[in-house]
Amino acid sequence: SMRDIVCRLGVRSYIKGTGKPSYALKKDNPYQ
């Protein structure tokens, strides 16, 4: 399905602090 999003990079608010980094931060995948 198609997705439209209004967003930005580098936001530090709303971090839950689960201790696990997002899989999107890995360099070997196509996600941001």
PDB file of all heavy atoms in Angstrom:
ATOM      1  N   SER A   1       0.830  -1.201   0.000  1.00  0.00           N
ATOM      2  CA  SER A   1       0.000   0.000   0.000  1.00  0.00           C
ATOM      3  C   SER A   1       0.868   1.256   0.000  1.00  0.00           C
ATOM      4  O   SER A   1       2.035   1.226   0.375  1.00  0.00           O
ATOM      5  CB  SER A   1      -0.933   0.006   1.216  1.00  0.00           C
ATOM      6  OG  SER A   1      -0.187   0.013   2.410  1.00  0.00           O
ATOM      7  N   MET A   2       0.276   2.361  -0.451  1.00  0.00           N
ATOM      8  CA  MET A   2       0.990   3.624  -0.508  1.00  0.00           C
ATOM      9  C   MET A   2       0.872   4.360   0.823  1.00  0.00           C
ATOM     10  O   MET A   2      -0.163   4.284   1.481  1.00  0.00           O
ATOM     11  CB  MET A   2       0.409   4.500  -1.621  1.00  0.00           C
ATOM     12  CG  MET A   2       1.236   5.721  -1.906  1.00  0.00           C
ATOM     13  SD  MET A   2       0.508   6.739  -3.177  1.00  0.00           S
ATOM     14  CE  MET A   2      -0.663   7.662  -2.210  1.00  0.00           C
ATOM     15  N   ARG A   3       1.915   5.071   1.213  1.00  0.00           N
ATOM     16  CA  ARG A   3       1.914   5.811   2.472  1.00  0.00           C
ATOM     17  C   ARG A   3       2.413   7.214   2.230  1.00  0.00           C
ATOM     18  O   ARG A   3       3.437   7.424   1.596  1.00  0.00           O
ATOM     19  CB  ARG A   3       2.826   5.095   3.470  1.00  0.00           C
ATOM     20  CG  ARG A   3       3.096   5.858   4.748  1.00  0.00           C
ATOM     21  CD  ARG A   3       2.027   5.532   5.779  1.00  0.00           C
ATOM     22  NE  ARG A   3       2.544   5.578   7.128  1.00  0.00           N
ATOM     23  CZ  ARG A   3       2.473   6.666   7.897  1.00  0.00           C
ATOM     24  NH1 ARG A   3       1.937   7.768   7.457  1.00  0.00           N
ATOM     25  NH2 ARG A   3       2.939   6.631   9.124  1.00  0.00           N
ATOM     26  N   ASP A   4       1.658   8.207   2.720  1.00  0.00           N
ATOM     27  CA  ASP A   4       2.081   9.609   2.726  1.00  0.00           C
ATOM     28  C   ASP A   4       2.373   9.976   4.167  1.00  0.00           C
ATOM     29  O   ASP A   4       1.608   9.619   5.069  1.00  0.00           O
ATOM     30  CB  ASP A   4       0.983  10.524   2.184  1.00  0.00           C
ATOM     31  CG  ASP A   4       0.697  10.276   0.709  1.00  0.00           C
ATOM     32  OD1 ASP A   4       1.663  10.087  -0.043  1.00  0.00           O
ATOM     33  OD2 ASP A   4      -0.482  10.266   0.329  1.00  0.00           O
ATOM     34  N   ILE A   5       3.451  10.720   4.383  1.00  0.00           N
ATOM     35  CA  ILE A   5       3.861  11.059   5.734  1.00  0.00           C
ATOM     36  C   ILE A   5       4.450  12.464   5.756  1.00  0.00           C
ATOM     37  O   ILE A   5       5.128  12.872   4.823  1.00  0.00           O
ATOM     38  CB  ILE A   5       4.878  10.008   6.262  1.00  0.00           C
ATOM     39  CG1 ILE A   5       5.209  10.230   7.727  1.00  0.00           C
ATOM     40  CG2 ILE A   5       6.124   9.967   5.412  1.00  0.00           C
ATOM     41  CD1 ILE A   5       6.003   9.089   8.343  1.00  0.00           C
ATOM     42  N   VAL A   6       4.141  13.214   6.803  1.00  0.00           N
ATOM     43  CA  VAL A   6       4.775  14.509   7.061  1.00  0.00           C
ATOM     44  C   VAL A   6       5.689  14.277   8.249  1.00  0.00           C
ATOM     45  O   VAL A   6       5.239  13.894   9.324  1.00  0.00           O
ATOM     46  CB  VAL A   6       3.732  15.601   7.377  1.00  0.00           C
ATOM     47  CG1 VAL A   6       4.424  16.908   7.731  1.00  0.00           C
ATOM     48  CG2 VAL A   6       2.790  15.788   6.203  1.00  0.00           C
ATOM     49  N   CYS A   7       6.984  14.486   8.038  1.00  0.00           N
ATOM     50  CA  CYS A   7       7.929  14.051   9.053  1.00  0.00           C
ATOM     51  C   CYS A   7       9.212  14.878   9.027  1.00  0.00           C
ATOM     52  O   CYS A   7       9.361  15.785   8.227  1.00  0.00           O
ATOM     53  CB  CYS A   7       8.271  12.588   8.819  1.00  0.00           C
ATOM     54  SG  CYS A   7       8.899  12.270   7.169  1.00  0.00           S
ATOM     55  N   ARG A   8      10.108  14.494   9.918  1.00  0.00           N
ATOM     56  CA  ARG A   8      11.452  15.055   9.921  1.00  0.00           C
ATOM     57  C   ARG A   8      12.392  14.101  10.639  1.00  0.00           C
ATOM     58  O   ARG A   8      11.972  13.232  11.391  1.00  0.00           O
ATOM     59  CB  ARG A   8      11.491  16.446  10.530  1.00  0.00           C
ATOM     60  CG  ARG A   8      11.370  16.509  12.008  1.00  0.00           C
ATOM     61  CD  ARG A   8      11.552  17.911  12.517  1.00  0.00           C
ATOM     62  NE  ARG A   8      12.264  17.822  13.777  1.00  0.00           N
ATOM     63  CZ  ARG A   8      12.620  18.840  14.507  1.00  0.00           C
ATOM     64  NH1 ARG A   8      12.373  20.056  14.090  1.00  0.00           N
ATOM     65  NH2 ARG A   8      13.250  18.677  15.624  1.00  0.00           N
ATOM     66  N   LEU A   9      13.661  14.289  10.409  1.00  0.00           N
ATOM     67  CA  LEU A   9      14.705  13.481  11.037  1.00  0.00           C
ATOM     68  C   LEU A   9      15.202  14.177  12.295  1.00  0.00           C
ATOM     69  O   LEU A   9      15.048  15.385  12.453  1.00  0.00           O
ATOM     70  CB  LEU A   9      15.893  13.299  10.090  1.00  0.00           C
ATOM     71  CG  LEU A   9      15.636  12.674   8.733  1.00  0.00           C
ATOM     72  CD1 LEU A   9      16.920  12.670   7.915  1.00  0.00           C
ATOM     73  CD2 LEU A   9      15.107  11.279   8.879  1.00  0.00           C
ATOM     74  N   GLY A  10      15.809  13.430  13.169  1.00  0.00           N
ATOM     75  CA  GLY A  10      16.510  14.005  14.312  1.00  0.00           C
ATOM     76  C   GLY A  10      15.666  14.436  15.491  1.00  0.00           C
ATOM     77  O   GLY A  10      16.154  15.138  16.369  1.00  0.00           O
ATOM     78  N   VAL A  11      14.411  14.034  15.566  1.00  0.00           N
ATOM     79  CA  VAL A  11      13.558  14.396  16.697  1.00  0.00           C
ATOM     80  C   VAL A  11      13.955  13.554  17.907  1.00  0.00           C
ATOM     81  O   VAL A  11      14.115  12.347  17.812  1.00  0.00           O
ATOM     82  CB  VAL A  11      12.065  14.173  16.362  1.00  0.00           C
ATOM     83  CG1 VAL A  11      11.189  14.408  17.579  1.00  0.00           C
ATOM     84  CG2 VAL A  11      11.644  15.073  15.220  1.00  0.00           C
ATOM     85  N   ARG A  12      14.105  14.195  19.054  1.00  0.00           N
ATOM     86  CA  ARG A  12      14.491  13.496  20.280  1.00  0.00           C
ATOM     87  C   ARG A  12      13.341  13.403  21.284  1.00  0.00           C
ATOM     88  O   ARG A  12      13.450  12.720  22.287  1.00  0.00           O
ATOM     89  CB  ARG A  12      15.684  14.204  20.948  1.00  0.00           C
ATOM     90  CG  ARG A  12      16.905  14.254  20.078  1.00  0.00           C
ATOM     91  CD  ARG A  12      17.602  12.915  20.098  1.00  0.00           C
ATOM     92  NE  ARG A  12      18.780  12.968  19.252  1.00  0.00           N
ATOM     93  CZ  ARG A  12      19.102  12.037  18.386  1.00  0.00           C
ATOM     94  NH1 ARG A  12      18.346  10.990  18.240  1.00  0.00           N
ATOM     95  NH2 ARG A  12      20.183  12.136  17.658  1.00  0.00           N
ATOM     96  N   SER A  13      12.250  14.086  21.030  1.00  0.00           N
ATOM     97  CA  SER A  13      11.082  14.015  21.913  1.00  0.00           C
ATOM     98  C   SER A  13      10.378  12.673  21.742  1.00  0.00           C
ATOM     99  O   SER A  13      10.565  11.978  20.750  1.00  0.00           O
ATOM    100  CB  SER A  13      10.090  15.124  21.563  1.00  0.00           C
ATOM    101  OG  SER A  13      10.685  16.367  21.690  1.00  0.00           O
ATOM    102  N   TYR A  14       9.563  12.337  22.679  1.00  0.00           N
ATOM    103  CA  TYR A  14       8.718  11.142  22.630  1.00  0.00           C
ATOM    104  C   TYR A  14       9.510   9.837  22.638  1.00  0.00           C
ATOM    105  O   TYR A  14       8.970   8.783  22.329  1.00  0.00           O
ATOM    106  CB  TYR A  14       7.791  11.157  21.402  1.00  0.00           C
ATOM    107  CG  TYR A  14       6.888  12.355  21.344  1.00  0.00           C
ATOM    108  CD1 TYR A  14       7.216  13.461  20.559  1.00  0.00           C
ATOM    109  CD2 TYR A  14       5.707  12.393  22.067  1.00  0.00           C
ATOM    110  CE1 TYR A  14       6.390  14.562  20.486  1.00  0.00           C
ATOM    111  CE2 TYR A  14       4.870  13.493  22.006  1.00  0.00           C
ATOM    112  CZ  TYR A  14       5.219  14.574  21.210  1.00  0.00           C
ATOM    113  OH  TYR A  14       4.400  15.655  21.147  1.00  0.00           O
ATOM    114  N   ILE A  15      10.782   9.875  22.995  1.00  0.00           N
ATOM    115  CA  ILE A  15      11.559   8.643  23.083  1.00  0.00           C
ATOM    116  C   ILE A  15      11.128   7.903  24.341  1.00  0.00           C
ATOM    117  O   ILE A  15      11.093   8.471  25.427  1.00  0.00           O
ATOM    118  CB  ILE A  15      13.074   8.935  23.100  1.00  0.00           C
ATOM    119  CG1 ILE A  15      13.497   9.529  21.769  1.00  0.00           C
ATOM    120  CG2 ILE A  15      13.858   7.675  23.411  1.00  0.00           C
ATOM    121  CD1 ILE A  15      14.958   9.935  21.710  1.00  0.00           C
ATOM    122  N   LYS A  16      10.790   6.633  24.193  1.00  0.00           N
ATOM    123  CA  LYS A  16      10.304   5.844  25.319  1.00  0.00           C
ATOM    124  C   LYS A  16      11.424   5.290  26.171  1.00  0.00           C
ATOM    125  O   LYS A  16      11.212   4.934  27.313  1.00  0.00           O
ATOM    126  CB  LYS A  16       9.428   4.702  24.809  1.00  0.00           C
ATOM    127  CG  LYS A  16       8.140   5.174  24.198  1.00  0.00           C
ATOM    128  CD  LYS A  16       7.319   3.997  23.735  1.00  0.00           C
ATOM    129  CE  LYS A  16       6.043   4.493  23.066  1.00  0.00           C
ATOM    130  NZ  LYS A  16       5.269   3.398  22.505  1.00  0.00           N
ATOM    131  N   GLY A  17      12.601   5.172  25.631  1.00  0.00           N
ATOM    132  CA  GLY A  17      13.721   4.679  26.405  1.00  0.00           C
ATOM    133  C   GLY A  17      13.651   3.203  26.713  1.00  0.00           C
ATOM    134  O   GLY A  17      13.925   2.782  27.821  1.00  0.00           O
ATOM    135  N   THR A  18      13.275   2.412  25.711  1.00  0.00           N
ATOM    136  CA  THR A  18      13.186   0.967  25.926  1.00  0.00           C
ATOM    137  C   THR A  18      14.559   0.323  26.004  1.00  0.00           C
ATOM    138  O   THR A  18      14.673  -0.821  26.417  1.00  0.00           O
ATOM    139  CB  THR A  18      12.388   0.300  24.793  1.00  0.00           C
ATOM    140  OG1 THR A  18      13.060   0.547  23.555  1.00  0.00           O
ATOM    141  CG2 THR A  18      10.969   0.834  24.726  1.00  0.00           C
ATOM    142  N   GLY A  19      15.586   1.023  25.576  1.00  0.00           N
ATOM    143  CA  GLY A  19      16.941   0.495  25.634  1.00  0.00           C
ATOM    144  C   GLY A  19      17.379  -0.222  24.374  1.00  0.00           C
ATOM    145  O   GLY A  19      18.552  -0.453  24.161  1.00  0.00           O
ATOM    146  N   LYS A  20      16.427  -0.566  23.497  1.00  0.00           N
ATOM    147  CA  LYS A  20      16.773  -1.237  22.246  1.00  0.00           C
ATOM    148  C   LYS A  20      16.763  -0.218  21.113  1.00  0.00           C
ATOM    149  O   LYS A  20      15.760   0.470  20.913  1.00  0.00           O
ATOM    150  CB  LYS A  20      15.773  -2.337  21.921  1.00  0.00           C
ATOM    151  CG  LYS A  20      15.760  -3.469  22.927  1.00  0.00           C
ATOM    152  CD  LYS A  20      14.904  -4.634  22.479  1.00  0.00           C
ATOM    153  CE  LYS A  20      13.497  -4.232  22.165  1.00  0.00           C
ATOM    154  NZ  LYS A  20      12.608  -5.335  21.831  1.00  0.00           N
ATOM    155  N   PRO A  21      17.848  -0.106  20.360  1.00  0.00           N
ATOM    156  CA  PRO A  21      17.837   0.816  19.218  1.00  0.00           C
ATOM    157  C   PRO A  21      16.931   0.279  18.108  1.00  0.00           C
ATOM    158  O   PRO A  21      16.747  -0.923  17.974  1.00  0.00           O
ATOM    159  CB  PRO A  21      19.298   0.852  18.768  1.00  0.00           C
ATOM    160  CG  PRO A  21      19.903  -0.385  19.309  1.00  0.00           C
ATOM    161  CD  PRO A  21      19.131  -0.746  20.545  1.00  0.00           C
ATOM    162  N   SER A  22      16.370   1.170  17.325  1.00  0.00           N
ATOM    163  CA  SER A  22      15.489   0.785  16.229  1.00  0.00           C
ATOM    164  C   SER A  22      16.271   0.019  15.171  1.00  0.00           C
ATOM    165  O   SER A  22      17.424   0.317  14.883  1.00  0.00           O
ATOM    166  CB  SER A  22      14.876   2.035  15.599  1.00  0.00           C
ATOM    167  OG  SER A  22      14.204   1.702  14.407  1.00  0.00           O
ATOM    168  N   TYR A  23      15.610  -0.970  14.559  1.00  0.00           N
ATOM    169  CA  TYR A  23      16.243  -1.716  13.462  1.00  0.00           C
ATOM    170  C   TYR A  23      16.526  -0.809  12.274  1.00  0.00           C
ATOM    171  O   TYR A  23      17.357  -1.119  11.431  1.00  0.00           O
ATOM    172  CB  TYR A  23      15.376  -2.900  13.039  1.00  0.00           C
ATOM    173  CG  TYR A  23      14.059  -2.507  12.414  1.00  0.00           C
ATOM    174  CD1 TYR A  23      13.923  -2.395  11.043  1.00  0.00           C
ATOM    175  CD2 TYR A  23      12.955  -2.238  13.214  1.00  0.00           C
ATOM    176  CE1 TYR A  23      12.719  -2.029  10.479  1.00  0.00           C
ATOM    177  CE2 TYR A  23      11.757  -1.871  12.664  1.00  0.00           C
ATOM    178  CZ  TYR A  23      11.647  -1.759  11.284  1.00  0.00           C
ATOM    179  OH  TYR A  23      10.461  -1.386  10.729  1.00  0.00           O
ATOM    180  N   ALA A  24      15.839   0.342  12.190  1.00  0.00           N
ATOM    181  CA  ALA A  24      16.044   1.275  11.084  1.00  0.00           C
ATOM    182  C   ALA A  24      17.395   1.977  11.174  1.00  0.00           C
ATOM    183  O   ALA A  24      17.853   2.556  10.199  1.00  0.00           O
ATOM    184  CB  ALA A  24      14.929   2.317  11.060  1.00  0.00           C
ATOM    185  N   LEU A  25      18.026   1.923  12.314  1.00  0.00           N
ATOM    186  CA  LEU A  25      19.313   2.589  12.483  1.00  0.00           C
ATOM    187  C   LEU A  25      20.488   1.738  12.007  1.00  0.00           C
ATOM    188  O   LEU A  25      21.613   2.228  11.942  1.00  0.00           O
ATOM    189  CB  LEU A  25      19.517   2.980  13.946  1.00  0.00           C
ATOM    190  CG  LEU A  25      18.483   3.966  14.498  1.00  0.00           C
ATOM    191  CD1 LEU A  25      18.720   4.203  15.978  1.00  0.00           C
ATOM    192  CD2 LEU A  25      18.506   5.264  13.728  1.00  0.00           C
ATOM    193  N   LYS A  26      20.236   0.493  11.649  1.00  0.00           N
ATOM    194  CA  LYS A  26      21.300  -0.357  11.130  1.00  0.00           C
ATOM    195  C   LYS A  26      21.674   0.100   9.721  1.00  0.00           C
ATOM    196  O   LYS A  26      20.823   0.507   8.946  1.00  0.00           O
ATOM    197  CB  LYS A  26      20.860  -1.818  11.109  1.00  0.00           C
ATOM    198  CG  LYS A  26      20.645  -2.383  12.492  1.00  0.00           C
ATOM    199  CD  LYS A  26      20.232  -3.824  12.418  1.00  0.00           C
ATOM    200  CE  LYS A  26      19.990  -4.366  13.811  1.00  0.00           C
ATOM    201  NZ  LYS A  26      19.520  -5.749  13.785  1.00  0.00           N
ATOM    202  N   LYS A  27      22.933   0.031   9.393  1.00  0.00           N
ATOM    203  CA  LYS A  27      23.425   0.536   8.111  1.00  0.00           C
ATOM    204  C   LYS A  27      23.114  -0.374   6.936  1.00  0.00           C
ATOM    205  O   LYS A  27      23.164   0.052   5.801  1.00  0.00           O
ATOM    206  CB  LYS A  27      24.949   0.752   8.182  1.00  0.00           C
ATOM    207  CG  LYS A  27      25.365   1.762   9.213  1.00  0.00           C
ATOM    208  CD  LYS A  27      24.914   3.147   8.823  1.00  0.00           C
ATOM    209  CE  LYS A  27      25.379   4.154   9.862  1.00  0.00           C
ATOM    210  NZ  LYS A  27      24.709   5.412   9.767  1.00  0.00           N
ATOM    211  N   ASP A  28      22.785  -1.641   7.178  1.00  0.00           N
ATOM    212  CA  ASP A  28      22.616  -2.594   6.084  1.00  0.00           C
ATOM    213  C   ASP A  28      21.160  -2.769   5.626  1.00  0.00           C
ATOM    214  O   ASP A  28      20.846  -3.723   4.947  1.00  0.00           O
ATOM    215  CB  ASP A  28      23.200  -3.949   6.482  1.00  0.00           C
ATOM    216  CG  ASP A  28      22.528  -4.533   7.715  1.00  0.00           C
ATOM    217  OD1 ASP A  28      21.854  -3.780   8.433  1.00  0.00           O
ATOM    218  OD2 ASP A  28      22.700  -5.737   7.959  1.00  0.00           O
ATOM    219  N   ASN A  29      20.277  -1.860   5.998  1.00  0.00           N
ATOM    220  CA  ASN A  29      18.895  -1.966   5.532  1.00  0.00           C
ATOM    221  C   ASN A  29      18.453  -0.663   4.863  1.00  0.00           C
ATOM    222  O   ASN A  29      19.066   0.375   5.042  1.00  0.00           O
ATOM    223  CB  ASN A  29      17.946  -2.366   6.671  1.00  0.00           C
ATOM    224  CG  ASN A  29      17.826  -1.315   7.746  1.00  0.00           C
ATOM    225  OD1 ASN A  29      17.935  -0.127   7.485  1.00  0.00           O
ATOM    226  ND2 ASN A  29      17.605  -1.735   8.965  1.00  0.00           N
ATOM    227  N   PRO A  30      17.365  -0.710   4.086  1.00  0.00           N
ATOM    228  CA  PRO A  30      16.940   0.459   3.320  1.00  0.00           C
ATOM    229  C   PRO A  30      15.988   1.397   4.068  1.00  0.00           C
ATOM    230  O   PRO A  30      15.299   2.194   3.444  1.00  0.00           O
ATOM    231  CB  PRO A  30      16.231  -0.171   2.130  1.00  0.00           C
ATOM    232  CG  PRO A  30      15.603  -1.399   2.706  1.00  0.00           C
ATOM    233  CD  PRO A  30      16.617  -1.904   3.706  1.00  0.00           C
ATOM    234  N   TYR A  31      15.957   1.333   5.392  1.00  0.00           N
ATOM    235  CA  TYR A  31      14.975   2.099   6.152  1.00  0.00           C
ATOM    236  C   TYR A  31      15.569   3.341   6.802  1.00  0.00           C
ATOM    237  O   TYR A  31      16.732   3.366   7.171  1.00  0.00           O
ATOM    238  CB  TYR A  31      14.336   1.218   7.221  1.00  0.00           C
ATOM    239  CG  TYR A  31      13.699  -0.017   6.645  1.00  0.00           C
ATOM    240  CD1 TYR A  31      14.250  -1.265   6.868  1.00  0.00           C
ATOM    241  CD2 TYR A  31      12.566   0.079   5.860  1.00  0.00           C
ATOM    242  CE1 TYR A  31      13.675  -2.399   6.329  1.00  0.00           C
ATOM    243  CE2 TYR A  31      11.990  -1.052   5.316  1.00  0.00           C
ATOM    244  CZ  TYR A  31      12.540  -2.280   5.551  1.00  0.00           C
ATOM    245  OH  TYR A  31      11.976  -3.395   5.003  1.00  0.00           O
ATOM    246  N   GLN A  32      14.727   4.364   6.951  1.00  0.00           N
ATOM    247  CA  GLN A  32      15.127   5.607   7.611  1.00  0.00           C
ATOM    248  C   GLN A  32      14.106   5.903   8.702  1.00  0.00           C
ATOM    249  O   GLN A  32      12.904   5.945   8.448  1.00  0.00           O
ATOM    250  CB  GLN A  32      15.168   6.746   6.597  1.00  0.00           C
ATOM    251  CG  GLN A  32      15.572   8.074   7.172  1.00  0.00           C
ATOM    252  CD  GLN A  32      17.022   8.068   7.636  1.00  0.00           C
ATOM    253  OE1 GLN A  32      17.917   7.688   6.906  1.00  0.00           O
ATOM    254  NE2 GLN A  32      17.243   8.472   8.853  1.00  0.00           N
TER     255      GLN A  32
END
